[in-house]
Amino acid sequence: MPTLRQVRLIGKPVVFTAAMLPLAGLVAGAAGVPAFQLGANPVETIQDTTGIWALRLLLLTLTMTPLGWLTGRSWPLQFRRMLGLFAFAYAALHFTNYLLLDRALDAAEILADIGKRPYVTIGVIALTLLLALAATSTAAARRRLGRRWQALHRLVYAIAILACWHFWWQVKKDVTEPAVYASILGVLLAVRLGRHARLRGYRL
């Protein structure tokens, strides 16, 4: 098992680099690098890529705690903040792409989308909550908020549910992919509920 020093010196740079790769691919594609072409609809490619990686990184963030329980080690917890911030970054890029490139900051069209497409509203709510977590992710914010910090950061479960819901509703026909992510989230939540029940002496 890696030590905390190895996590800081090796693990974190590796995870940081891996989390940057999807964005690097989009930048390379936008710059015209042949191997990273964005296809016939670059705006849609950017939208889909940033959205799916926001969800993947959010689920990876939620995986770190059960992984710590499974291994009996604290090193997985060292990656939670980084993964969560990357999830927020990709979600923010996802929304920015929608506002700037997809809707060209057309307020009337955006408002119409909110009225006609509920998944847009769900996505905005999830991003707003994720922003609150990102803004209070520092050690200073944790000290300042005290016990309220933990209560606030439990919103990550609601955010993950909203993110899966957003994806499910956004897909028009084949819901296989969002169903896979929703199932993964269901397992992660069930593991937490099961552990909580065991610690409290409940029987499920």
N, C-alpha and C. Protein backbone atom coordinates (compact mmCIF):
# COMPACT_ATOMS: atom_id res chain seq x y z
N MET A 1 0.83 -1.19 0.00
CA MET A 1 0.00 0.00 0.00
C MET A 1 0.88 1.26 0.00
N PRO A 2 0.51 2.27 -0.76
CA PRO A 2 1.33 3.49 -0.80
C PRO A 2 1.28 4.24 0.52
N THR A 3 2.38 4.88 0.83
CA THR A 3 2.42 5.74 2.01
C THR A 3 1.85 7.10 1.64
N LEU A 4 1.55 7.92 2.66
CA LEU A 4 1.03 9.25 2.38
C LEU A 4 2.05 10.08 1.62
N ARG A 5 3.34 9.88 1.89
CA ARG A 5 4.38 10.62 1.16
C ARG A 5 4.39 10.22 -0.31
N GLN A 6 4.25 8.94 -0.59
CA GLN A 6 4.19 8.47 -1.97
C GLN A 6 2.96 9.01 -2.68
N VAL A 7 1.85 9.10 -1.95
CA VAL A 7 0.63 9.66 -2.53
C VAL A 7 0.86 11.10 -2.95
N ARG A 8 1.49 11.87 -2.06
CA ARG A 8 1.71 13.30 -2.35
C ARG A 8 2.71 13.49 -3.49
N LEU A 9 3.79 12.70 -3.50
CA LEU A 9 4.86 12.91 -4.48
C LEU A 9 4.61 12.24 -5.82
N ILE A 10 3.88 11.13 -5.81
CA ILE A 10 3.67 10.36 -7.05
C ILE A 10 2.19 10.27 -7.41
N GLY A 11 1.38 9.83 -6.46
CA GLY A 11 -0.03 9.58 -6.75
C GLY A 11 -0.78 10.82 -7.21
N LYS A 12 -0.63 11.92 -6.50
CA LYS A 12 -1.37 13.12 -6.85
C LYS A 12 -0.98 13.68 -8.22
N PRO A 13 0.32 13.76 -8.54
CA PRO A 13 0.67 14.22 -9.89
C PRO A 13 0.12 13.31 -10.99
N VAL A 14 0.11 12.00 -10.74
CA VAL A 14 -0.42 11.06 -11.73
C VAL A 14 -1.92 11.28 -11.92
N VAL A 15 -2.65 11.40 -10.83
CA VAL A 15 -4.09 11.63 -10.90
C VAL A 15 -4.39 12.97 -11.56
N PHE A 16 -3.63 14.00 -11.20
CA PHE A 16 -3.81 15.33 -11.80
C PHE A 16 -3.62 15.26 -13.31
N THR A 17 -2.56 14.59 -13.74
CA THR A 17 -2.29 14.46 -15.18
C THR A 17 -3.38 13.70 -15.89
N ALA A 18 -3.84 12.60 -15.28
CA ALA A 18 -4.90 11.79 -15.88
C ALA A 18 -6.19 12.58 -16.01
N ALA A 19 -6.51 13.37 -14.99
CA ALA A 19 -7.75 14.15 -15.02
C ALA A 19 -7.68 15.28 -16.05
N MET A 20 -6.48 15.72 -16.39
CA MET A 20 -6.29 16.78 -17.37
C MET A 20 -6.37 16.26 -18.82
N LEU A 21 -6.18 14.97 -19.02
CA LEU A 21 -6.08 14.42 -20.37
C LEU A 21 -7.32 14.69 -21.23
N PRO A 22 -8.55 14.49 -20.72
CA PRO A 22 -9.71 14.79 -21.58
C PRO A 22 -9.75 16.25 -22.04
N LEU A 23 -9.42 17.15 -21.14
CA LEU A 23 -9.38 18.57 -21.50
C LEU A 23 -8.27 18.84 -22.51
N ALA A 24 -7.12 18.22 -22.30
CA ALA A 24 -6.02 18.39 -23.25
C ALA A 24 -6.41 17.91 -24.64
N GLY A 25 -7.16 16.81 -24.69
CA GLY A 25 -7.63 16.30 -25.98
C GLY A 25 -8.56 17.27 -26.67
N LEU A 26 -9.44 17.91 -25.90
CA LEU A 26 -10.35 18.90 -26.48
C LEU A 26 -9.58 20.13 -26.99
N VAL A 27 -8.61 20.57 -26.22
CA VAL A 27 -7.80 21.72 -26.63
C VAL A 27 -7.03 21.38 -27.90
N ALA A 28 -6.46 20.18 -27.94
CA ALA A 28 -5.73 19.77 -29.14
C ALA A 28 -6.65 19.69 -30.35
N GLY A 29 -7.85 19.19 -30.13
CA GLY A 29 -8.81 19.12 -31.22
C GLY A 29 -9.21 20.49 -31.72
N ALA A 30 -9.43 21.42 -30.78
CA ALA A 30 -9.79 22.78 -31.15
C ALA A 30 -8.65 23.48 -31.89
N ALA A 31 -7.41 23.05 -31.60
CA ALA A 31 -6.24 23.63 -32.26
C ALA A 31 -5.97 23.00 -33.62
N GLY A 32 -6.76 21.99 -33.97
CA GLY A 32 -6.63 21.38 -35.28
C GLY A 32 -5.68 20.20 -35.37
N VAL A 33 -5.28 19.65 -34.24
CA VAL A 33 -4.41 18.47 -34.25
C VAL A 33 -5.19 17.29 -34.83
N PRO A 34 -4.73 16.68 -35.92
CA PRO A 34 -5.52 15.65 -36.62
C PRO A 34 -5.96 14.49 -35.74
N ALA A 35 -5.10 14.04 -34.83
CA ALA A 35 -5.43 12.88 -34.00
C ALA A 35 -6.54 13.17 -32.99
N PHE A 36 -6.87 14.43 -32.79
CA PHE A 36 -7.87 14.80 -31.78
C PHE A 36 -9.03 15.58 -32.40
N GLN A 37 -9.38 15.27 -33.62
CA GLN A 37 -10.46 15.98 -34.29
C GLN A 37 -11.76 15.89 -33.50
N LEU A 38 -12.51 16.99 -33.47
CA LEU A 38 -13.74 17.06 -32.69
C LEU A 38 -14.97 16.64 -33.46
N GLY A 39 -14.78 16.22 -34.69
CA GLY A 39 -15.91 15.70 -35.46
C GLY A 39 -16.70 16.78 -36.18
N ALA A 40 -17.84 16.35 -36.73
CA ALA A 40 -18.67 17.26 -37.52
C ALA A 40 -19.34 18.33 -36.68
N ASN A 41 -19.54 18.05 -35.39
CA ASN A 41 -20.19 19.01 -34.50
C ASN A 41 -19.30 19.22 -33.27
N PRO A 42 -18.29 20.10 -33.39
CA PRO A 42 -17.35 20.30 -32.29
C PRO A 42 -18.01 20.77 -30.99
N VAL A 43 -19.02 21.62 -31.09
CA VAL A 43 -19.69 22.12 -29.89
C VAL A 43 -20.34 20.98 -29.12
N GLU A 44 -20.98 20.08 -29.84
CA GLU A 44 -21.60 18.92 -29.19
C GLU A 44 -20.56 17.99 -28.59
N THR A 45 -19.44 17.83 -29.28
CA THR A 45 -18.36 16.99 -28.76
C THR A 45 -17.82 17.55 -27.46
N ILE A 46 -17.59 18.84 -27.42
CA ILE A 46 -17.11 19.49 -26.20
C ILE A 46 -18.14 19.34 -25.09
N GLN A 47 -19.42 19.55 -25.44
CA GLN A 47 -20.49 19.45 -24.45
C GLN A 47 -20.56 18.05 -23.85
N ASP A 48 -20.53 17.05 -24.72
CA ASP A 48 -20.64 15.67 -24.26
C ASP A 48 -19.41 15.25 -23.44
N THR A 49 -18.23 15.63 -23.90
CA THR A 49 -16.99 15.21 -23.23
C THR A 49 -16.87 15.84 -21.85
N THR A 50 -17.11 17.14 -21.75
CA THR A 50 -17.00 17.79 -20.44
C THR A 50 -18.08 17.28 -19.49
N GLY A 51 -19.26 17.03 -20.00
CA GLY A 51 -20.35 16.54 -19.14
C GLY A 51 -20.07 15.15 -18.59
N ILE A 52 -19.64 14.25 -19.46
CA ILE A 52 -19.44 12.87 -19.01
C ILE A 52 -18.25 12.78 -18.06
N TRP A 53 -17.22 13.60 -18.28
CA TRP A 53 -16.08 13.55 -17.37
C TRP A 53 -16.40 14.21 -16.03
N ALA A 54 -17.26 15.20 -16.04
CA ALA A 54 -17.72 15.76 -14.76
C ALA A 54 -18.40 14.68 -13.92
N LEU A 55 -19.25 13.89 -14.57
CA LEU A 55 -19.96 12.82 -13.86
C LEU A 55 -19.00 11.72 -13.41
N ARG A 56 -18.11 11.32 -14.28
CA ARG A 56 -17.15 10.26 -13.93
C ARG A 56 -16.28 10.66 -12.75
N LEU A 57 -15.79 11.88 -12.78
CA LEU A 57 -14.93 12.35 -11.69
C LEU A 57 -15.71 12.52 -10.39
N LEU A 58 -16.97 12.89 -10.50
CA LEU A 58 -17.80 12.99 -9.30
C LEU A 58 -18.00 11.61 -8.68
N LEU A 59 -18.25 10.61 -9.50
CA LEU A 59 -18.40 9.25 -8.98
C LEU A 59 -17.08 8.71 -8.43
N LEU A 60 -15.97 9.06 -9.08
CA LEU A 60 -14.68 8.67 -8.54
C LEU A 60 -14.43 9.30 -7.17
N THR A 61 -14.86 10.55 -7.02
CA THR A 61 -14.73 11.22 -5.72
C THR A 61 -15.47 10.44 -4.65
N LEU A 62 -16.68 9.99 -4.97
CA LEU A 62 -17.48 9.23 -4.02
C LEU A 62 -16.93 7.82 -3.78
N THR A 63 -16.09 7.35 -4.68
CA THR A 63 -15.51 6.02 -4.54
C THR A 63 -14.37 5.99 -3.52
N MET A 64 -13.74 7.13 -3.29
CA MET A 64 -12.54 7.15 -2.45
C MET A 64 -12.81 6.70 -1.01
N THR A 65 -13.92 7.11 -0.43
CA THR A 65 -14.21 6.72 0.96
C THR A 65 -14.43 5.21 1.08
N PRO A 66 -15.31 4.59 0.26
CA PRO A 66 -15.44 3.13 0.34
C PRO A 66 -14.13 2.40 0.06
N LEU A 67 -13.29 2.97 -0.83
CA LEU A 67 -12.01 2.34 -1.11
C LEU A 67 -11.12 2.38 0.13
N GLY A 68 -11.19 3.47 0.89
CA GLY A 68 -10.46 3.55 2.15
C GLY A 68 -10.95 2.51 3.14
N TRP A 69 -12.26 2.32 3.22
CA TRP A 69 -12.80 1.28 4.12
C TRP A 69 -12.32 -0.09 3.68
N LEU A 70 -12.34 -0.35 2.37
CA LEU A 70 -11.99 -1.66 1.84
C LEU A 70 -10.52 -1.99 2.11
N THR A 71 -9.65 -1.01 1.90
CA THR A 71 -8.22 -1.24 2.07
C THR A 71 -7.75 -1.07 3.51
N GLY A 72 -8.58 -0.42 4.33
CA GLY A 72 -8.17 -0.12 5.69
C GLY A 72 -7.08 0.93 5.76
N ARG A 73 -6.97 1.73 4.68
CA ARG A 73 -5.93 2.75 4.60
C ARG A 73 -6.56 4.12 4.36
N SER A 74 -5.81 5.15 4.71
CA SER A 74 -6.33 6.51 4.53
C SER A 74 -5.90 7.15 3.22
N TRP A 75 -4.99 6.49 2.46
CA TRP A 75 -4.47 7.14 1.26
C TRP A 75 -5.53 7.48 0.21
N PRO A 76 -6.59 6.67 0.02
CA PRO A 76 -7.58 7.07 -0.99
C PRO A 76 -8.25 8.42 -0.68
N LEU A 77 -8.35 8.74 0.61
CA LEU A 77 -9.00 9.99 0.99
C LEU A 77 -8.20 11.20 0.54
N GLN A 78 -6.91 11.00 0.28
CA GLN A 78 -6.05 12.11 -0.15
C GLN A 78 -6.43 12.62 -1.55
N PHE A 79 -7.18 11.81 -2.30
CA PHE A 79 -7.53 12.19 -3.66
C PHE A 79 -8.92 12.83 -3.77
N ARG A 80 -9.70 12.80 -2.69
CA ARG A 80 -11.08 13.26 -2.79
C ARG A 80 -11.19 14.71 -3.23
N ARG A 81 -10.43 15.59 -2.59
CA ARG A 81 -10.54 17.02 -2.89
C ARG A 81 -10.14 17.30 -4.34
N MET A 82 -9.03 16.72 -4.78
CA MET A 82 -8.58 16.94 -6.15
C MET A 82 -9.62 16.46 -7.17
N LEU A 83 -10.12 15.26 -6.96
CA LEU A 83 -11.12 14.71 -7.89
C LEU A 83 -12.40 15.55 -7.88
N GLY A 84 -12.81 15.99 -6.68
CA GLY A 84 -14.01 16.82 -6.59
C GLY A 84 -13.85 18.15 -7.30
N LEU A 85 -12.67 18.76 -7.17
CA LEU A 85 -12.42 20.03 -7.85
C LEU A 85 -12.36 19.84 -9.36
N PHE A 86 -11.81 18.74 -9.81
CA PHE A 86 -11.81 18.46 -11.25
C PHE A 86 -13.24 18.22 -11.75
N ALA A 87 -14.05 17.53 -10.95
CA ALA A 87 -15.45 17.33 -11.33
C ALA A 87 -16.15 18.67 -11.51
N PHE A 88 -15.91 19.59 -10.57
CA PHE A 88 -16.49 20.93 -10.67
C PHE A 88 -15.97 21.65 -11.91
N ALA A 89 -14.67 21.55 -12.18
CA ALA A 89 -14.07 22.24 -13.33
C ALA A 89 -14.70 21.76 -14.64
N TYR A 90 -14.87 20.46 -14.79
CA TYR A 90 -15.48 19.94 -16.02
C TYR A 90 -16.95 20.31 -16.10
N ALA A 91 -17.64 20.32 -14.96
CA ALA A 91 -19.05 20.73 -14.96
C ALA A 91 -19.17 22.21 -15.34
N ALA A 92 -18.26 23.03 -14.83
CA ALA A 92 -18.28 24.46 -15.17
C ALA A 92 -18.00 24.66 -16.66
N LEU A 93 -17.05 23.90 -17.21
CA LEU A 93 -16.76 23.99 -18.64
C LEU A 93 -17.96 23.51 -19.47
N HIS A 94 -18.62 22.49 -18.98
CA HIS A 94 -19.83 21.96 -19.62
C HIS A 94 -20.90 23.05 -19.73
N PHE A 95 -21.12 23.77 -18.64
CA PHE A 95 -22.13 24.82 -18.62
C PHE A 95 -21.67 26.04 -19.43
N THR A 96 -20.38 26.37 -19.34
CA THR A 96 -19.86 27.50 -20.10
C THR A 96 -19.96 27.25 -21.59
N ASN A 97 -19.67 26.02 -22.02
CA ASN A 97 -19.80 25.68 -23.43
C ASN A 97 -21.25 25.84 -23.89
N TYR A 98 -22.19 25.41 -23.03
CA TYR A 98 -23.61 25.55 -23.35
C TYR A 98 -23.98 27.03 -23.51
N LEU A 99 -23.52 27.87 -22.57
CA LEU A 99 -23.88 29.29 -22.61
C LEU A 99 -23.24 30.02 -23.79
N LEU A 100 -21.93 29.79 -24.00
CA LEU A 100 -21.19 30.59 -24.98
C LEU A 100 -21.26 30.03 -26.40
N LEU A 101 -20.96 28.76 -26.56
CA LEU A 101 -20.86 28.20 -27.90
C LEU A 101 -22.18 27.63 -28.41
N ASP A 102 -22.94 27.01 -27.52
CA ASP A 102 -24.19 26.39 -27.95
C ASP A 102 -25.33 27.41 -28.06
N ARG A 103 -25.42 28.32 -27.08
CA ARG A 103 -26.53 29.28 -27.07
C ARG A 103 -26.08 30.73 -27.29
N ALA A 104 -24.79 30.94 -27.45
CA ALA A 104 -24.25 32.27 -27.76
C ALA A 104 -24.79 33.36 -26.82
N LEU A 105 -24.96 33.01 -25.55
CA LEU A 105 -25.45 33.94 -24.53
C LEU A 105 -26.79 34.57 -24.90
N ASP A 106 -27.59 33.84 -25.67
CA ASP A 106 -28.93 34.32 -26.03
C ASP A 106 -29.86 34.05 -24.84
N ALA A 107 -30.16 35.11 -24.07
CA ALA A 107 -30.94 34.95 -22.85
C ALA A 107 -32.32 34.37 -23.13
N ALA A 108 -32.95 34.82 -24.20
CA ALA A 108 -34.29 34.33 -24.53
C ALA A 108 -34.27 32.83 -24.82
N GLU A 109 -33.24 32.38 -25.55
CA GLU A 109 -33.14 30.97 -25.90
C GLU A 109 -32.81 30.13 -24.66
N ILE A 110 -31.96 30.66 -23.80
CA ILE A 110 -31.62 29.95 -22.56
C ILE A 110 -32.83 29.80 -21.66
N LEU A 111 -33.60 30.86 -21.51
CA LEU A 111 -34.82 30.80 -20.69
C LEU A 111 -35.83 29.84 -21.28
N ALA A 112 -35.90 29.83 -22.61
CA ALA A 112 -36.81 28.88 -23.27
C ALA A 112 -36.37 27.45 -23.00
N ASP A 113 -35.06 27.22 -23.01
CA ASP A 113 -34.53 25.88 -22.71
C ASP A 113 -34.92 25.44 -21.31
N ILE A 114 -34.79 26.37 -20.36
CA ILE A 114 -35.12 26.05 -18.97
C ILE A 114 -36.59 25.66 -18.86
N GLY A 115 -37.44 26.34 -19.63
CA GLY A 115 -38.87 26.02 -19.59
C GLY A 115 -39.21 24.73 -20.29
N LYS A 116 -38.54 24.44 -21.41
CA LYS A 116 -38.88 23.28 -22.23
C LYS A 116 -38.06 22.04 -21.87
N ARG A 117 -36.88 22.24 -21.32
CA ARG A 117 -35.99 21.11 -21.06
C ARG A 117 -35.62 21.08 -19.58
N PRO A 118 -36.37 20.34 -18.77
CA PRO A 118 -36.11 20.31 -17.32
C PRO A 118 -34.70 19.84 -16.96
N TYR A 119 -34.07 19.05 -17.84
CA TYR A 119 -32.72 18.58 -17.52
C TYR A 119 -31.73 19.74 -17.44
N VAL A 120 -32.02 20.84 -18.15
CA VAL A 120 -31.16 22.02 -18.05
C VAL A 120 -31.25 22.61 -16.64
N THR A 121 -32.48 22.71 -16.12
CA THR A 121 -32.67 23.23 -14.76
C THR A 121 -31.98 22.35 -13.73
N ILE A 122 -32.12 21.04 -13.87
CA ILE A 122 -31.48 20.11 -12.94
C ILE A 122 -29.96 20.26 -12.99
N GLY A 123 -29.42 20.43 -14.20
CA GLY A 123 -27.99 20.62 -14.33
C GLY A 123 -27.49 21.90 -13.67
N VAL A 124 -28.26 22.97 -13.81
CA VAL A 124 -27.88 24.25 -13.20
C VAL A 124 -27.90 24.13 -11.67
N ILE A 125 -28.90 23.45 -11.14
CA ILE A 125 -28.98 23.25 -9.69
C ILE A 125 -27.77 22.46 -9.20
N ALA A 126 -27.45 21.37 -9.91
CA ALA A 126 -26.30 20.53 -9.52
C ALA A 126 -25.01 21.34 -9.56
N LEU A 127 -24.83 22.15 -10.60
CA LEU A 127 -23.61 22.96 -10.72
C LEU A 127 -23.53 24.00 -9.61
N THR A 128 -24.65 24.61 -9.26
CA THR A 128 -24.67 25.62 -8.20
C THR A 128 -24.26 25.01 -6.86
N LEU A 129 -24.80 23.83 -6.57
CA LEU A 129 -24.43 23.14 -5.33
C LEU A 129 -22.96 22.72 -5.34
N LEU A 130 -22.50 22.28 -6.51
CA LEU A 130 -21.10 21.87 -6.63
C LEU A 130 -20.17 23.07 -6.45
N LEU A 131 -20.60 24.23 -6.92
CA LEU A 131 -19.83 25.45 -6.71
C LEU A 131 -19.67 25.74 -5.22
N ALA A 132 -20.74 25.54 -4.45
CA ALA A 132 -20.67 25.77 -3.01
C ALA A 132 -19.66 24.84 -2.35
N LEU A 133 -19.59 23.60 -2.81
CA LEU A 133 -18.63 22.66 -2.24
C LEU A 133 -17.20 23.02 -2.66
N ALA A 134 -17.03 23.40 -3.92
CA ALA A 134 -15.69 23.78 -4.39
C ALA A 134 -15.18 25.01 -3.64
N ALA A 135 -16.07 25.97 -3.40
CA ALA A 135 -15.68 27.21 -2.73
C ALA A 135 -15.32 26.99 -1.27
N THR A 136 -15.80 25.90 -0.68
CA THR A 136 -15.53 25.62 0.74
C THR A 136 -14.66 24.38 0.91
N SER A 137 -13.88 24.06 -0.11
CA SER A 137 -13.08 22.84 -0.07
C SER A 137 -11.73 23.01 0.63
N THR A 138 -11.37 24.23 0.97
CA THR A 138 -10.07 24.47 1.59
C THR A 138 -10.07 24.13 3.07
N ALA A 139 -8.88 23.93 3.60
CA ALA A 139 -8.75 23.66 5.04
C ALA A 139 -9.23 24.85 5.86
N ALA A 140 -8.98 26.07 5.37
CA ALA A 140 -9.43 27.27 6.08
C ALA A 140 -10.95 27.32 6.17
N ALA A 141 -11.62 26.98 5.08
CA ALA A 141 -13.09 26.96 5.08
C ALA A 141 -13.61 25.89 6.02
N ARG A 142 -12.93 24.77 6.07
CA ARG A 142 -13.35 23.69 6.97
C ARG A 142 -13.26 24.13 8.43
N ARG A 143 -12.17 24.81 8.76
CA ARG A 143 -12.02 25.30 10.14
C ARG A 143 -13.06 26.37 10.45
N ARG A 144 -13.31 27.24 9.50
CA ARG A 144 -14.25 28.33 9.72
C ARG A 144 -15.69 27.83 9.90
N LEU A 145 -16.06 26.82 9.13
CA LEU A 145 -17.44 26.31 9.18
C LEU A 145 -17.66 25.31 10.31
N GLY A 146 -16.59 24.67 10.77
CA GLY A 146 -16.73 23.70 11.85
C GLY A 146 -17.63 22.54 11.47
N ARG A 147 -18.58 22.21 12.33
CA ARG A 147 -19.47 21.08 12.07
C ARG A 147 -20.36 21.31 10.86
N ARG A 148 -20.61 22.56 10.54
CA ARG A 148 -21.46 22.86 9.38
C ARG A 148 -20.80 22.42 8.07
N TRP A 149 -19.47 22.33 8.07
CA TRP A 149 -18.75 21.93 6.86
C TRP A 149 -19.14 20.53 6.42
N GLN A 150 -19.17 19.61 7.37
CA GLN A 150 -19.52 18.24 7.03
C GLN A 150 -20.96 18.15 6.53
N ALA A 151 -21.86 18.88 7.18
CA ALA A 151 -23.26 18.88 6.74
C ALA A 151 -23.38 19.43 5.33
N LEU A 152 -22.64 20.51 5.05
CA LEU A 152 -22.68 21.10 3.72
C LEU A 152 -22.16 20.13 2.67
N HIS A 153 -21.06 19.46 2.98
CA HIS A 153 -20.44 18.60 1.97
C HIS A 153 -21.16 17.27 1.78
N ARG A 154 -22.14 17.00 2.63
CA ARG A 154 -23.00 15.84 2.35
C ARG A 154 -23.90 16.10 1.14
N LEU A 155 -23.96 17.34 0.71
CA LEU A 155 -24.72 17.66 -0.51
C LEU A 155 -24.15 16.96 -1.74
N VAL A 156 -22.93 16.43 -1.63
CA VAL A 156 -22.34 15.75 -2.77
C VAL A 156 -23.22 14.58 -3.21
N TYR A 157 -23.93 13.95 -2.27
CA TYR A 157 -24.81 12.84 -2.64
C TYR A 157 -25.98 13.33 -3.49
N ALA A 158 -26.57 14.44 -3.08
CA ALA A 158 -27.67 15.03 -3.85
C ALA A 158 -27.17 15.48 -5.22
N ILE A 159 -25.97 16.05 -5.25
CA ILE A 159 -25.40 16.52 -6.52
C ILE A 159 -25.21 15.34 -7.48
N ALA A 160 -24.70 14.23 -6.98
CA ALA A 160 -24.48 13.06 -7.82
C ALA A 160 -25.81 12.52 -8.36
N ILE A 161 -26.84 12.51 -7.52
CA ILE A 161 -28.16 12.07 -7.98
C ILE A 161 -28.68 13.00 -9.06
N LEU A 162 -28.55 14.31 -8.84
CA LEU A 162 -29.00 15.28 -9.84
C LEU A 162 -28.22 15.14 -11.14
N ALA A 163 -26.92 14.88 -11.04
CA ALA A 163 -26.09 14.74 -12.24
C ALA A 163 -26.52 13.53 -13.07
N CYS A 164 -26.79 12.41 -12.39
CA CYS A 164 -27.28 11.22 -13.11
C CYS A 164 -28.65 11.48 -13.71
N TRP A 165 -29.50 12.16 -12.98
CA TRP A 165 -30.84 12.52 -13.45
C TRP A 165 -30.74 13.42 -14.68
N HIS A 166 -29.86 14.40 -14.61
CA HIS A 166 -29.62 15.32 -15.73
C HIS A 166 -29.21 14.54 -16.97
N PHE A 167 -28.30 13.61 -16.82
CA PHE A 167 -27.82 12.80 -17.94
C PHE A 167 -28.94 11.93 -18.50
N TRP A 168 -29.70 11.32 -17.60
CA TRP A 168 -30.79 10.42 -18.02
C TRP A 168 -31.83 11.17 -18.85
N TRP A 169 -32.24 12.33 -18.36
CA TRP A 169 -33.24 13.11 -19.08
C TRP A 169 -32.70 13.73 -20.37
N GLN A 170 -31.41 14.00 -20.40
CA GLN A 170 -30.82 14.61 -21.58
C GLN A 170 -30.77 13.63 -22.75
N VAL A 171 -30.58 12.33 -22.43
CA VAL A 171 -30.54 11.31 -23.47
C VAL A 171 -31.95 11.08 -24.00
N LYS A 172 -32.09 11.11 -25.30
CA LYS A 172 -33.43 11.05 -25.89
C LYS A 172 -33.98 9.63 -26.01
N LYS A 173 -33.13 8.66 -26.39
CA LYS A 173 -33.65 7.32 -26.65
C LYS A 173 -32.96 6.25 -25.80
N ASP A 174 -31.73 5.95 -26.11
CA ASP A 174 -31.02 4.86 -25.44
C ASP A 174 -30.47 5.35 -24.09
N VAL A 175 -31.05 4.85 -23.00
CA VAL A 175 -30.63 5.29 -21.66
C VAL A 175 -29.64 4.30 -21.03
N THR A 176 -29.05 3.43 -21.85
CA THR A 176 -28.12 2.43 -21.31
C THR A 176 -26.97 3.08 -20.56
N GLU A 177 -26.32 4.08 -21.17
CA GLU A 177 -25.15 4.69 -20.53
C GLU A 177 -25.52 5.41 -19.23
N PRO A 178 -26.54 6.28 -19.23
CA PRO A 178 -26.90 6.89 -17.94
C PRO A 178 -27.33 5.88 -16.91
N ALA A 179 -27.94 4.78 -17.34
CA ALA A 179 -28.36 3.74 -16.39
C ALA A 179 -27.14 3.10 -15.73
N VAL A 180 -26.04 2.94 -16.48
CA VAL A 180 -24.81 2.38 -15.92
C VAL A 180 -24.28 3.29 -14.82
N TYR A 181 -24.22 4.59 -15.10
CA TYR A 181 -23.70 5.53 -14.10
C TYR A 181 -24.64 5.61 -12.90
N ALA A 182 -25.93 5.57 -13.14
CA ALA A 182 -26.90 5.59 -12.04
C ALA A 182 -26.75 4.34 -11.17
N SER A 183 -26.46 3.21 -11.80
CA SER A 183 -26.26 1.97 -11.05
C SER A 183 -25.01 2.04 -10.18
N ILE A 184 -23.94 2.61 -10.73
CA ILE A 184 -22.71 2.78 -9.97
C ILE A 184 -22.98 3.67 -8.75
N LEU A 185 -23.70 4.76 -8.97
CA LEU A 185 -24.04 5.64 -7.86
C LEU A 185 -24.89 4.90 -6.83
N GLY A 186 -25.84 4.08 -7.30
CA GLY A 186 -26.67 3.31 -6.38
C GLY A 186 -25.85 2.40 -5.49
N VAL A 187 -24.84 1.75 -6.08
CA VAL A 187 -23.96 0.87 -5.30
C VAL A 187 -23.18 1.68 -4.26
N LEU A 188 -22.63 2.82 -4.68
CA LEU A 188 -21.85 3.66 -3.76
C LEU A 188 -22.71 4.16 -2.59
N LEU A 189 -23.95 4.52 -2.87
CA LEU A 189 -24.84 4.97 -1.80
C LEU A 189 -25.26 3.81 -0.91
N ALA A 190 -25.49 2.64 -1.52
CA ALA A 190 -25.89 1.47 -0.73
C ALA A 190 -24.77 1.04 0.23
N VAL A 191 -23.53 1.11 -0.23
CA VAL A 191 -22.39 0.77 0.63
C VAL A 191 -22.35 1.70 1.84
N ARG A 192 -22.58 2.98 1.60
CA ARG A 192 -22.56 3.95 2.71
C ARG A 192 -23.71 3.69 3.68
N LEU A 193 -24.89 3.43 3.16
CA LEU A 193 -26.04 3.16 4.02
C LEU A 193 -25.82 1.89 4.83
N GLY A 194 -25.25 0.87 4.19
CA GLY A 194 -24.98 -0.38 4.89
C GLY A 194 -23.99 -0.20 6.01
N ARG A 195 -22.93 0.55 5.77
CA ARG A 195 -21.93 0.78 6.81
C ARG A 195 -22.53 1.60 7.96
N HIS A 196 -23.32 2.62 7.59
CA HIS A 196 -23.96 3.45 8.61
C HIS A 196 -24.87 2.59 9.49
N ALA A 197 -25.62 1.69 8.86
CA ALA A 197 -26.53 0.84 9.61
C ALA A 197 -25.77 -0.10 10.55
N ARG A 198 -24.64 -0.64 10.06
CA ARG A 198 -23.85 -1.54 10.91
C ARG A 198 -23.25 -0.79 12.10
N LEU A 199 -22.75 0.40 11.86
CA LEU A 199 -22.15 1.18 12.95
C LEU A 199 -23.19 1.57 13.99
N ARG A 200 -24.42 1.79 13.53
CA ARG A 200 -25.50 2.16 14.46
C ARG A 200 -26.19 0.96 15.07
N GLY A 201 -25.82 -0.23 14.60
CA GLY A 201 -26.42 -1.43 15.15
C GLY A 201 -27.76 -1.77 14.56
N TYR A 202 -28.08 -1.18 13.37
CA TYR A 202 -29.34 -1.49 12.72
C TYR A 202 -29.20 -2.75 11.89
N ARG A 203 -30.33 -3.35 11.61
CA ARG A 203 -30.35 -4.52 10.72
C ARG A 203 -31.12 -4.15 9.47
N LEU A 204 -30.48 -4.38 8.31
CA LEU A 204 -31.14 -4.08 7.05
C LEU A 204 -31.88 -5.30 6.52
